Amino acid sequence: MAKFAIILNELRYFYLVQNILWVDMNKIKQHTAMQSILLHLLPGVLILASIFIFSQPFFSNLFGVNEDLEPVIGYLLALLIGLLPVQTGILLFANKKETGKLGFSTAIQYTKKSPIKQYLLLVPAFIVFFLVLFIAIAPLIQPYIVRTFFAWWPEQYNFQLILQNPSTLAGYEGIMFLLSIYILLSCIAGPLVEELYFRGYLLPRMENYAGKWAPLLNAVLFSIYHFFSPWENLIRIAAMYPVVHTVWRKKDIRFSIFTHILTNTLGGIFMFFMILNA
């Protein structure tokens, strides 16, 4: 009887824990499939439109930057005007809608802390995986993808063509100013806001309609959201899925925040030294 009582108590404890976890997950207001897809993709449409608008000669002249760098100006202004305030605004609005107060406390989920050793182990592994895919694999397949499917894409709006060989930018008027803004917006602020929005806000609200497929669908939609570089979709999805799945499994967005910011920052620092030493 004593053993039976112990087993019964253990079952009651297990049932209690399961119910607590179930209640915690269901406190998160879920999106419908259509809401989720639109919230993933519409910000990308706005960023693409901003790139087209801000890549015009007026803006390079306004900032005293060489006209050859117009696509870079367009991209940075798109981040500043089309990404940061829009995605931050959606988070603030969602939080106010759910709690009646401006803030991020309810809108941003998956904030459970993991052991430090897991960050030290997994984040560098994710970064290496990113670098292998984008530096070693992408150059082998992306030229074919661009030639076959995206030859029609206007080069004057493709800032990546300019940045793919940073040493050629040395001596351009305003390049160091642009690079400083690039590191601030594209390597730090942009990735931070994107991770809070896509992994902290959208991913937890995909459970009802996507279930176990939520991490993969989130990675796919996040990649498509980069409408300005569709030729990178295959590589970007492959690179993002492991870290998105880790965020989903551990309920901890720090993994994707650290990985995204550090990977982009390494690229920004690499460009800085290539231009400096050219």
C-alpha atoms as a PDB file:
ATOM      1  CA  MET A   1       0.000   0.000   0.000  1.00  0.00           C
ATOM      2  CA  ALA A   2       2.871   2.338   0.812  1.00  0.00           C
ATOM      3  CA  LYS A   3       4.370   1.795  -2.646  1.00  0.00           C
ATOM      4  CA  PHE A   4       0.970   2.354  -4.234  1.00  0.00           C
ATOM      5  CA  ALA A   5       0.602   5.659  -2.358  1.00  0.00           C
ATOM      6  CA  ILE A   6       4.029   6.790  -3.550  1.00  0.00           C
ATOM      7  CA  ILE A   7       3.185   5.947  -7.152  1.00  0.00           C
ATOM      8  CA  LEU A   8      -0.153   7.725  -6.817  1.00  0.00           C
ATOM      9  CA  ASN A   9       1.551  10.858  -5.475  1.00  0.00           C
ATOM     10  CA  GLU A  10       4.050  10.775  -8.333  1.00  0.00           C
ATOM     11  CA  LEU A  11       1.230  10.515 -10.871  1.00  0.00           C
ATOM     12  CA  ARG A  12      -0.563  13.426  -9.253  1.00  0.00           C
ATOM     13  CA  TYR A  13       2.643  15.493  -9.396  1.00  0.00           C
ATOM     14  CA  PHE A  14       3.183  14.596 -13.047  1.00  0.00           C
ATOM     15  CA  TYR A  15      -0.421  15.494 -13.865  1.00  0.00           C
ATOM     16  CA  LEU A  16      -0.065  18.830 -12.045  1.00  0.00           C
ATOM     17  CA  VAL A  17       3.134  19.720 -13.908  1.00  0.00           C
ATOM     18  CA  GLN A  18       1.620  18.793 -17.269  1.00  0.00           C
ATOM     19  CA  ASN A  19      -1.407  20.966 -16.571  1.00  0.00           C
ATOM     20  CA  ILE A  20       0.772  23.905 -15.561  1.00  0.00           C
ATOM     21  CA  LEU A  21       2.768  23.593 -18.785  1.00  0.00           C
ATOM     22  CA  TRP A  22      -0.442  23.288 -20.821  1.00  0.00           C
ATOM     23  CA  VAL A  23      -1.943  26.390 -19.202  1.00  0.00           C
ATOM     24  CA  ASP A  24       1.270  28.374 -19.742  1.00  0.00           C
ATOM     25  CA  MET A  25       1.310  27.543 -23.465  1.00  0.00           C
ATOM     26  CA  ASN A  26      -2.367  28.320 -23.869  1.00  0.00           C
ATOM     27  CA  LYS A  27      -1.949  31.722 -22.270  1.00  0.00           C
ATOM     28  CA  ILE A  28      -0.213  32.716 -25.489  1.00  0.00           C
ATOM     29  CA  LYS A  29      -2.848  34.056 -27.846  1.00  0.00           C
ATOM     30  CA  GLN A  30      -2.528  32.066 -31.065  1.00  0.00           C
ATOM     31  CA  HIS A  31      -2.677  33.332 -34.655  1.00  0.00           C
ATOM     32  CA  THR A  32      -4.648  31.779 -37.455  1.00  0.00           C
ATOM     33  CA  ALA A  33      -2.625  30.464 -40.388  1.00  0.00           C
ATOM     34  CA  MET A  34      -3.587  33.475 -42.527  1.00  0.00           C
ATOM     35  CA  GLN A  35      -2.716  35.970 -39.772  1.00  0.00           C
ATOM     36  CA  SER A  36       0.619  34.294 -39.241  1.00  0.00           C
ATOM     37  CA  ILE A  37       1.589  34.214 -42.913  1.00  0.00           C
ATOM     38  CA  LEU A  38       0.636  37.862 -43.404  1.00  0.00           C
ATOM     39  CA  LEU A  39       2.517  38.955 -40.289  1.00  0.00           C
ATOM     40  CA  HIS A  40       5.591  37.097 -41.543  1.00  0.00           C
ATOM     41  CA  LEU A  41       5.536  38.422 -45.099  1.00  0.00           C
ATOM     42  CA  LEU A  42       4.001  41.906 -45.176  1.00  0.00           C
ATOM     43  CA  PRO A  43       6.943  43.525 -43.327  1.00  0.00           C
ATOM     44  CA  GLY A  44       9.185  42.094 -46.051  1.00  0.00           C
ATOM     45  CA  VAL A  45       7.051  43.698 -48.770  1.00  0.00           C
ATOM     46  CA  LEU A  46       7.459  47.040 -47.011  1.00  0.00           C
ATOM     47  CA  ILE A  47      11.233  46.587 -46.779  1.00  0.00           C
ATOM     48  CA  LEU A  48      11.443  45.734 -50.493  1.00  0.00           C
ATOM     49  CA  ALA A  49       9.377  48.800 -51.413  1.00  0.00           C
ATOM     50  CA  SER A  50      11.601  50.935 -49.176  1.00  0.00           C
ATOM     51  CA  ILE A  51      14.722  49.639 -50.942  1.00  0.00           C
ATOM     52  CA  PHE A  52      13.261  50.606 -54.318  1.00  0.00           C
ATOM     53  CA  ILE A  53      12.363  54.089 -53.045  1.00  0.00           C
ATOM     54  CA  PHE A  54      15.540  54.893 -51.132  1.00  0.00           C
ATOM     55  CA  SER A  55      17.920  53.571 -53.799  1.00  0.00           C
ATOM     56  CA  GLN A  56      17.164  56.608 -55.964  1.00  0.00           C
ATOM     57  CA  PRO A  57      19.942  59.187 -56.668  1.00  0.00           C
ATOM     58  CA  PHE A  58      18.220  61.824 -54.512  1.00  0.00           C
ATOM     59  CA  PHE A  59      19.139  59.986 -51.322  1.00  0.00           C
ATOM     60  CA  SER A  60      22.785  59.312 -52.177  1.00  0.00           C
ATOM     61  CA  ASN A  61      23.146  63.012 -53.035  1.00  0.00           C
ATOM     62  CA  LEU A  62      21.353  63.953 -49.818  1.00  0.00           C
ATOM     63  CA  PHE A  63      23.897  62.040 -47.717  1.00  0.00           C
ATOM     64  CA  GLY A  64      26.919  62.933 -49.843  1.00  0.00           C
ATOM     65  CA  VAL A  65      27.609  59.326 -50.853  1.00  0.00           C
ATOM     66  CA  ASN A  66      28.975  58.108 -54.202  1.00  0.00           C
ATOM     67  CA  GLU A  67      26.146  57.234 -56.607  1.00  0.00           C
ATOM     68  CA  ASP A  68      27.563  53.716 -57.062  1.00  0.00           C
ATOM     69  CA  LEU A  69      26.552  53.061 -53.460  1.00  0.00           C
ATOM     70  CA  GLU A  70      22.881  53.924 -53.999  1.00  0.00           C
ATOM     71  CA  PRO A  71      21.690  50.309 -53.375  1.00  0.00           C
ATOM     72  CA  VAL A  72      23.498  50.269 -50.021  1.00  0.00           C
ATOM     73  CA  ILE A  73      21.889  53.581 -49.030  1.00  0.00           C
ATOM     74  CA  GLY A  74      18.524  52.131 -50.087  1.00  0.00           C
ATOM     75  CA  TYR A  75      19.037  49.008 -47.979  1.00  0.00           C
ATOM     76  CA  LEU A  76      20.130  50.895 -44.860  1.00  0.00           C
ATOM     77  CA  LEU A  77      17.263  53.386 -45.051  1.00  0.00           C
ATOM     78  CA  ALA A  78      14.879  50.456 -45.566  1.00  0.00           C
ATOM     79  CA  LEU A  79      16.155  48.961 -42.306  1.00  0.00           C
ATOM     80  CA  LEU A  80      15.893  52.271 -40.504  1.00  0.00           C
ATOM     81  CA  ILE A  81      12.412  53.172 -41.776  1.00  0.00           C
ATOM     82  CA  GLY A  82      10.861  49.969 -43.086  1.00  0.00           C
ATOM     83  CA  LEU A  83      12.078  47.379 -40.571  1.00  0.00           C
ATOM     84  CA  LEU A  84      12.894  48.729 -37.119  1.00  0.00           C
ATOM     85  CA  PRO A  85       9.850  50.942 -36.436  1.00  0.00           C
ATOM     86  CA  VAL A  86       7.374  48.623 -38.175  1.00  0.00           C
ATOM     87  CA  GLN A  87       8.264  45.386 -36.395  1.00  0.00           C
ATOM     88  CA  THR A  88       8.800  47.146 -33.070  1.00  0.00           C
ATOM     89  CA  GLY A  89       5.450  48.891 -33.548  1.00  0.00           C
ATOM     90  CA  ILE A  90       3.664  45.584 -34.163  1.00  0.00           C
ATOM     91  CA  LEU A  91       5.155  44.196 -30.952  1.00  0.00           C
ATOM     92  CA  LEU A  92       4.055  47.243 -28.960  1.00  0.00           C
ATOM     93  CA  PHE A  93       0.564  47.163 -30.477  1.00  0.00           C
ATOM     94  CA  ALA A  94       0.185  43.420 -29.811  1.00  0.00           C
ATOM     95  CA  ASN A  95       1.264  43.875 -26.207  1.00  0.00           C
ATOM     96  CA  LYS A  96      -1.178  46.762 -25.721  1.00  0.00           C
ATOM     97  CA  LYS A  97      -3.985  44.749 -27.312  1.00  0.00           C
ATOM     98  CA  GLU A  98      -3.380  41.832 -24.927  1.00  0.00           C
ATOM     99  CA  THR A  99      -2.577  43.737 -21.725  1.00  0.00           C
ATOM    100  CA  GLY A 100      -3.773  47.291 -22.276  1.00  0.00           C
ATOM    101  CA  LYS A 101      -0.217  48.586 -21.837  1.00  0.00           C
ATOM    102  CA  LEU A 102       2.587  49.443 -24.240  1.00  0.00           C
ATOM    103  CA  GLY A 103       5.570  47.178 -23.788  1.00  0.00           C
ATOM    104  CA  PHE A 104       6.948  43.782 -24.731  1.00  0.00           C
ATOM    105  CA  SER A 105       6.291  41.615 -21.676  1.00  0.00           C
ATOM    106  CA  THR A 106       3.369  39.660 -23.154  1.00  0.00           C
ATOM    107  CA  ALA A 107       4.085  40.013 -26.869  1.00  0.00           C
ATOM    108  CA  ILE A 108       7.548  38.451 -26.633  1.00  0.00           C
ATOM    109  CA  GLN A 109       7.566  34.824 -25.484  1.00  0.00           C
ATOM    110  CA  TYR A 110      10.164  32.045 -25.384  1.00  0.00           C
ATOM    111  CA  THR A 111      12.231  33.899 -22.788  1.00  0.00           C
ATOM    112  CA  LYS A 112      13.132  30.907 -20.630  1.00  0.00           C
ATOM    113  CA  LYS A 113      16.833  30.984 -19.710  1.00  0.00           C
ATOM    114  CA  SER A 114      19.063  28.057 -20.622  1.00  0.00           C
ATOM    115  CA  PRO A 115      22.315  27.042 -18.895  1.00  0.00           C
ATOM    116  CA  ILE A 116      25.259  29.192 -19.981  1.00  0.00           C
ATOM    117  CA  LYS A 117      27.180  26.148 -21.181  1.00  0.00           C
ATOM    118  CA  GLN A 118      24.454  25.508 -23.763  1.00  0.00           C
ATOM    119  CA  TYR A 119      24.915  29.000 -25.225  1.00  0.00           C
ATOM    120  CA  LEU A 120      28.686  28.512 -25.250  1.00  0.00           C
ATOM    121  CA  LEU A 121      28.316  25.191 -27.042  1.00  0.00           C
ATOM    122  CA  LEU A 122      25.429  25.713 -29.452  1.00  0.00           C
ATOM    123  CA  VAL A 123      25.803  29.353 -30.547  1.00  0.00           C
ATOM    124  CA  PRO A 124      29.370  28.906 -31.927  1.00  0.00           C
ATOM    125  CA  ALA A 125      28.203  25.695 -33.642  1.00  0.00           C
ATOM    126  CA  PHE A 126      25.323  27.562 -35.288  1.00  0.00           C
ATOM    127  CA  ILE A 127      27.671  30.361 -36.384  1.00  0.00           C
ATOM    128  CA  VAL A 128      30.125  27.902 -37.952  1.00  0.00           C
ATOM    129  CA  PHE A 129      27.206  26.190 -39.706  1.00  0.00           C
ATOM    130  CA  PHE A 130      26.037  29.573 -41.062  1.00  0.00           C
ATOM    131  CA  LEU A 131      29.514  30.457 -42.300  1.00  0.00           C
ATOM    132  CA  VAL A 132      30.033  27.095 -44.002  1.00  0.00           C
ATOM    133  CA  LEU A 133      26.730  27.403 -45.849  1.00  0.00           C
ATOM    134  CA  PHE A 134      27.085  31.043 -46.892  1.00  0.00           C
ATOM    135  CA  ILE A 135      30.830  31.086 -47.604  1.00  0.00           C
ATOM    136  CA  ALA A 136      31.530  27.575 -48.910  1.00  0.00           C
ATOM    137  CA  ILE A 137      28.222  26.264 -50.277  1.00  0.00           C
ATOM    138  CA  ALA A 138      26.342  29.357 -51.454  1.00  0.00           C
ATOM    139  CA  PRO A 139      28.963  30.441 -54.062  1.00  0.00           C
ATOM    140  CA  LEU A 140      28.629  26.993 -55.671  1.00  0.00           C
ATOM    141  CA  ILE A 141      24.867  27.116 -56.238  1.00  0.00           C
ATOM    142  CA  GLN A 142      23.686  30.717 -56.067  1.00  0.00           C
ATOM    143  CA  PRO A 143      25.214  31.930 -59.359  1.00  0.00           C
ATOM    144  CA  TYR A 144      23.218  29.205 -61.143  1.00  0.00           C
ATOM    145  CA  ILE A 145      20.042  30.149 -59.263  1.00  0.00           C
ATOM    146  CA  VAL A 146      20.509  33.834 -60.111  1.00  0.00           C
ATOM    147  CA  ARG A 147      21.220  33.147 -63.819  1.00  0.00           C
ATOM    148  CA  THR A 148      18.354  30.667 -64.169  1.00  0.00           C
ATOM    149  CA  PHE A 149      15.578  32.264 -62.129  1.00  0.00           C
ATOM    150  CA  PHE A 150      16.511  35.851 -61.302  1.00  0.00           C
ATOM    151  CA  ALA A 151      18.360  37.251 -64.317  1.00  0.00           C
ATOM    152  CA  TRP A 152      15.533  39.796 -64.564  1.00  0.00           C
ATOM    153  CA  TRP A 153      16.280  41.268 -61.120  1.00  0.00           C
ATOM    154  CA  PRO A 154      17.379  44.940 -61.483  1.00  0.00           C
ATOM    155  CA  GLU A 155      21.030  45.200 -60.473  1.00  0.00           C
ATOM    156  CA  GLN A 156      20.637  48.799 -59.318  1.00  0.00           C
ATOM    157  CA  TYR A 157      18.580  47.511 -56.364  1.00  0.00           C
ATOM    158  CA  ASN A 158      20.903  44.639 -55.437  1.00  0.00           C
ATOM    159  CA  PHE A 159      23.191  45.925 -52.672  1.00  0.00           C
ATOM    160  CA  GLN A 160      24.721  42.442 -52.297  1.00  0.00           C
ATOM    161  CA  LEU A 161      26.487  42.777 -55.660  1.00  0.00           C
ATOM    162  CA  ILE A 162      28.372  45.762 -54.248  1.00  0.00           C
ATOM    163  CA  LEU A 163      29.195  44.200 -50.884  1.00  0.00           C
ATOM    164  CA  GLN A 164      30.304  40.797 -52.170  1.00  0.00           C
ATOM    165  CA  ASN A 165      33.820  42.156 -52.783  1.00  0.00           C
ATOM    166  CA  PRO A 166      34.321  44.828 -50.080  1.00  0.00           C
ATOM    167  CA  SER A 167      37.926  45.638 -51.037  1.00  0.00           C
ATOM    168  CA  THR A 168      36.688  47.307 -54.252  1.00  0.00           C
ATOM    169  CA  LEU A 169      34.831  49.864 -52.130  1.00  0.00           C
ATOM    170  CA  ALA A 170      37.954  51.425 -50.661  1.00  0.00           C
ATOM    171  CA  GLY A 171      38.221  55.084 -51.619  1.00  0.00           C
ATOM    172  CA  TYR A 172      34.521  55.579 -52.305  1.00  0.00           C
ATOM    173  CA  GLU A 173      33.220  58.805 -50.844  1.00  0.00           C
ATOM    174  CA  GLY A 174      31.280  58.104 -47.649  1.00  0.00           C
ATOM    175  CA  ILE A 175      32.108  54.376 -47.501  1.00  0.00           C
ATOM    176  CA  MET A 176      33.357  54.361 -43.890  1.00  0.00           C
ATOM    177  CA  PHE A 177      30.277  56.268 -42.757  1.00  0.00           C
ATOM    178  CA  LEU A 178      28.056  53.783 -44.585  1.00  0.00           C
ATOM    179  CA  LEU A 179      29.935  50.816 -43.149  1.00  0.00           C
ATOM    180  CA  SER A 180      29.523  52.148 -39.608  1.00  0.00           C
ATOM    181  CA  ILE A 181      25.773  52.526 -40.142  1.00  0.00           C
ATOM    182  CA  TYR A 182      25.698  49.088 -41.792  1.00  0.00           C
ATOM    183  CA  ILE A 183      27.211  47.433 -38.711  1.00  0.00           C
ATOM    184  CA  LEU A 184      24.809  49.277 -36.410  1.00  0.00           C
ATOM    185  CA  LEU A 185      21.649  48.556 -38.414  1.00  0.00           C
ATOM    186  CA  SER A 186      22.309  45.340 -40.338  1.00  0.00           C
ATOM    187  CA  CYS A 187      24.486  43.562 -37.788  1.00  0.00           C
ATOM    188  CA  ILE A 188      23.016  44.605 -34.439  1.00  0.00           C
ATOM    189  CA  ALA A 189      19.698  46.497 -34.387  1.00  0.00           C
ATOM    190  CA  GLY A 190      18.077  44.738 -37.354  1.00  0.00           C
ATOM    191  CA  PRO A 191      18.837  41.160 -36.229  1.00  0.00           C
ATOM    192  CA  LEU A 192      17.767  41.947 -32.655  1.00  0.00           C
ATOM    193  CA  VAL A 193      14.371  43.303 -33.709  1.00  0.00           C
ATOM    194  CA  GLU A 194      13.871  40.499 -36.250  1.00  0.00           C
ATOM    195  CA  GLU A 195      14.526  37.823 -33.644  1.00  0.00           C
ATOM    196  CA  LEU A 196      12.190  39.444 -31.119  1.00  0.00           C
ATOM    197  CA  TYR A 197       9.526  39.672 -33.818  1.00  0.00           C
ATOM    198  CA  PHE A 198       9.918  36.365 -35.695  1.00  0.00           C
ATOM    199  CA  ARG A 199      11.075  34.049 -32.901  1.00  0.00           C
ATOM    200  CA  GLY A 200       9.775  35.870 -29.821  1.00  0.00           C
ATOM    201  CA  TYR A 201       6.370  36.934 -31.179  1.00  0.00           C
ATOM    202  CA  LEU A 202       5.373  34.931 -34.275  1.00  0.00           C
ATOM    203  CA  LEU A 203       6.868  31.492 -33.579  1.00  0.00           C
ATOM    204  CA  PRO A 204       5.087  30.903 -30.223  1.00  0.00           C
ATOM    205  CA  ARG A 205       1.772  31.804 -31.863  1.00  0.00           C
ATOM    206  CA  MET A 206       2.083  29.153 -34.592  1.00  0.00           C
ATOM    207  CA  GLU A 207       1.505  26.181 -32.279  1.00  0.00           C
ATOM    208  CA  ASN A 208      -2.232  25.791 -32.913  1.00  0.00           C
ATOM    209  CA  TYR A 209      -2.080  25.538 -36.689  1.00  0.00           C
ATOM    210  CA  ALA A 210       1.485  24.350 -37.332  1.00  0.00           C
ATOM    211  CA  GLY A 211       2.260  22.154 -34.327  1.00  0.00           C
ATOM    212  CA  LYS A 212       5.621  20.397 -34.628  1.00  0.00           C
ATOM    213  CA  TRP A 213       6.119  21.971 -38.067  1.00  0.00           C
ATOM    214  CA  ALA A 214       6.179  25.479 -36.599  1.00  0.00           C
ATOM    215  CA  PRO A 215      10.015  25.817 -36.586  1.00  0.00           C
ATOM    216  CA  LEU A 216      10.360  24.757 -40.222  1.00  0.00           C
ATOM    217  CA  LEU A 217       7.478  26.942 -41.383  1.00  0.00           C
ATOM    218  CA  ASN A 218       8.868  29.882 -39.415  1.00  0.00           C
ATOM    219  CA  ALA A 219      12.294  29.421 -41.044  1.00  0.00           C
ATOM    220  CA  VAL A 220      10.712  29.191 -44.521  1.00  0.00           C
ATOM    221  CA  LEU A 221       8.526  32.265 -44.063  1.00  0.00           C
ATOM    222  CA  PHE A 222      11.414  34.215 -42.530  1.00  0.00           C
ATOM    223  CA  SER A 223      13.531  33.429 -45.574  1.00  0.00           C
ATOM    224  CA  ILE A 224      10.791  34.396 -48.040  1.00  0.00           C
ATOM    225  CA  TYR A 225      10.339  37.646 -46.069  1.00  0.00           C
ATOM    226  CA  HIS A 226      13.755  38.625 -47.483  1.00  0.00           C
ATOM    227  CA  PHE A 227      12.150  39.511 -50.812  1.00  0.00           C
ATOM    228  CA  PHE A 228      15.231  41.498 -51.791  1.00  0.00           C
ATOM    229  CA  SER A 229      17.374  38.319 -51.996  1.00  0.00           C
ATOM    230  CA  PRO A 230      15.172  35.371 -53.076  1.00  0.00           C
ATOM    231  CA  TRP A 231      18.174  33.529 -54.564  1.00  0.00           C
ATOM    232  CA  GLU A 232      19.375  32.903 -50.989  1.00  0.00           C
ATOM    233  CA  ASN A 233      16.222  31.086 -49.859  1.00  0.00           C
ATOM    234  CA  LEU A 234      17.577  27.532 -49.991  1.00  0.00           C
ATOM    235  CA  ILE A 235      20.745  28.402 -48.086  1.00  0.00           C
ATOM    236  CA  ARG A 236      18.959  30.683 -45.635  1.00  0.00           C
ATOM    237  CA  ILE A 237      16.315  28.069 -44.757  1.00  0.00           C
ATOM    238  CA  ALA A 238      18.975  25.416 -44.247  1.00  0.00           C
ATOM    239  CA  ALA A 239      20.990  27.791 -42.059  1.00  0.00           C
ATOM    240  CA  MET A 240      18.052  29.032 -39.990  1.00  0.00           C
ATOM    241  CA  TYR A 241      16.185  25.813 -39.297  1.00  0.00           C
ATOM    242  CA  PRO A 242      18.516  24.322 -36.633  1.00  0.00           C
ATOM    243  CA  VAL A 243      18.589  27.490 -34.550  1.00  0.00           C
ATOM    244  CA  VAL A 244      14.832  28.106 -34.947  1.00  0.00           C
ATOM    245  CA  HIS A 245      14.129  24.531 -33.876  1.00  0.00           C
ATOM    246  CA  THR A 246      16.373  25.010 -30.845  1.00  0.00           C
ATOM    247  CA  VAL A 247      14.509  28.188 -29.880  1.00  0.00           C
ATOM    248  CA  TRP A 248      11.192  26.344 -30.232  1.00  0.00           C
ATOM    249  CA  ARG A 249      12.343  23.271 -28.297  1.00  0.00           C
ATOM    250  CA  LYS A 250      14.024  25.149 -25.459  1.00  0.00           C
ATOM    251  CA  LYS A 251      11.609  28.116 -25.443  1.00  0.00           C
ATOM    252  CA  ASP A 252      14.625  30.450 -25.432  1.00  0.00           C
ATOM    253  CA  ILE A 253      15.077  33.172 -28.073  1.00  0.00           C
ATOM    254  CA  ARG A 254      18.577  33.973 -26.819  1.00  0.00           C
ATOM    255  CA  PHE A 255      19.967  31.234 -29.056  1.00  0.00           C
ATOM    256  CA  SER A 256      18.741  32.944 -32.228  1.00  0.00           C
ATOM    257  CA  ILE A 257      19.494  36.470 -30.975  1.00  0.00           C
ATOM    258  CA  PHE A 258      23.127  35.633 -30.207  1.00  0.00           C
ATOM    259  CA  THR A 259      23.581  33.620 -33.400  1.00  0.00           C
ATOM    260  CA  HIS A 260      22.001  36.205 -35.713  1.00  0.00           C
ATOM    261  CA  ILE A 261      23.802  39.230 -34.245  1.00  0.00           C
ATOM    262  CA  LEU A 262      27.219  37.571 -33.958  1.00  0.00           C
ATOM    263  CA  THR A 263      27.093  36.063 -37.459  1.00  0.00           C
ATOM    264  CA  ASN A 264      26.141  39.370 -39.069  1.00  0.00           C
ATOM    265  CA  THR A 265      28.676  41.265 -36.964  1.00  0.00           C
ATOM    266  CA  LEU A 266      31.474  38.928 -38.022  1.00  0.00           C
ATOM    267  CA  GLY A 267      30.536  39.685 -41.633  1.00  0.00           C
ATOM    268  CA  GLY A 268      30.510  43.423 -40.931  1.00  0.00           C
ATOM    269  CA  ILE A 269      33.927  43.322 -39.238  1.00  0.00           C
ATOM    270  CA  PHE A 270      35.308  41.264 -42.132  1.00  0.00           C
ATOM    271  CA  MET A 271      34.120  43.923 -44.608  1.00  0.00           C
ATOM    272  CA  PHE A 272      35.577  46.693 -42.433  1.00  0.00           C
ATOM    273  CA  PHE A 273      39.067  45.175 -42.449  1.00  0.00           C
ATOM    274  CA  MET A 274      38.957  44.332 -46.151  1.00  0.00           C
ATOM    275  CA  ILE A 275      38.116  47.950 -46.978  1.00  0.00           C
ATOM    276  CA  LEU A 276      40.637  49.283 -44.461  1.00  0.00           C
ATOM    277  CA  ASN A 277      43.479  47.161 -45.849  1.00  0.00           C
ATOM    278  CA  ALA A 278      42.645  47.674 -49.540  1.00  0.00           C
END
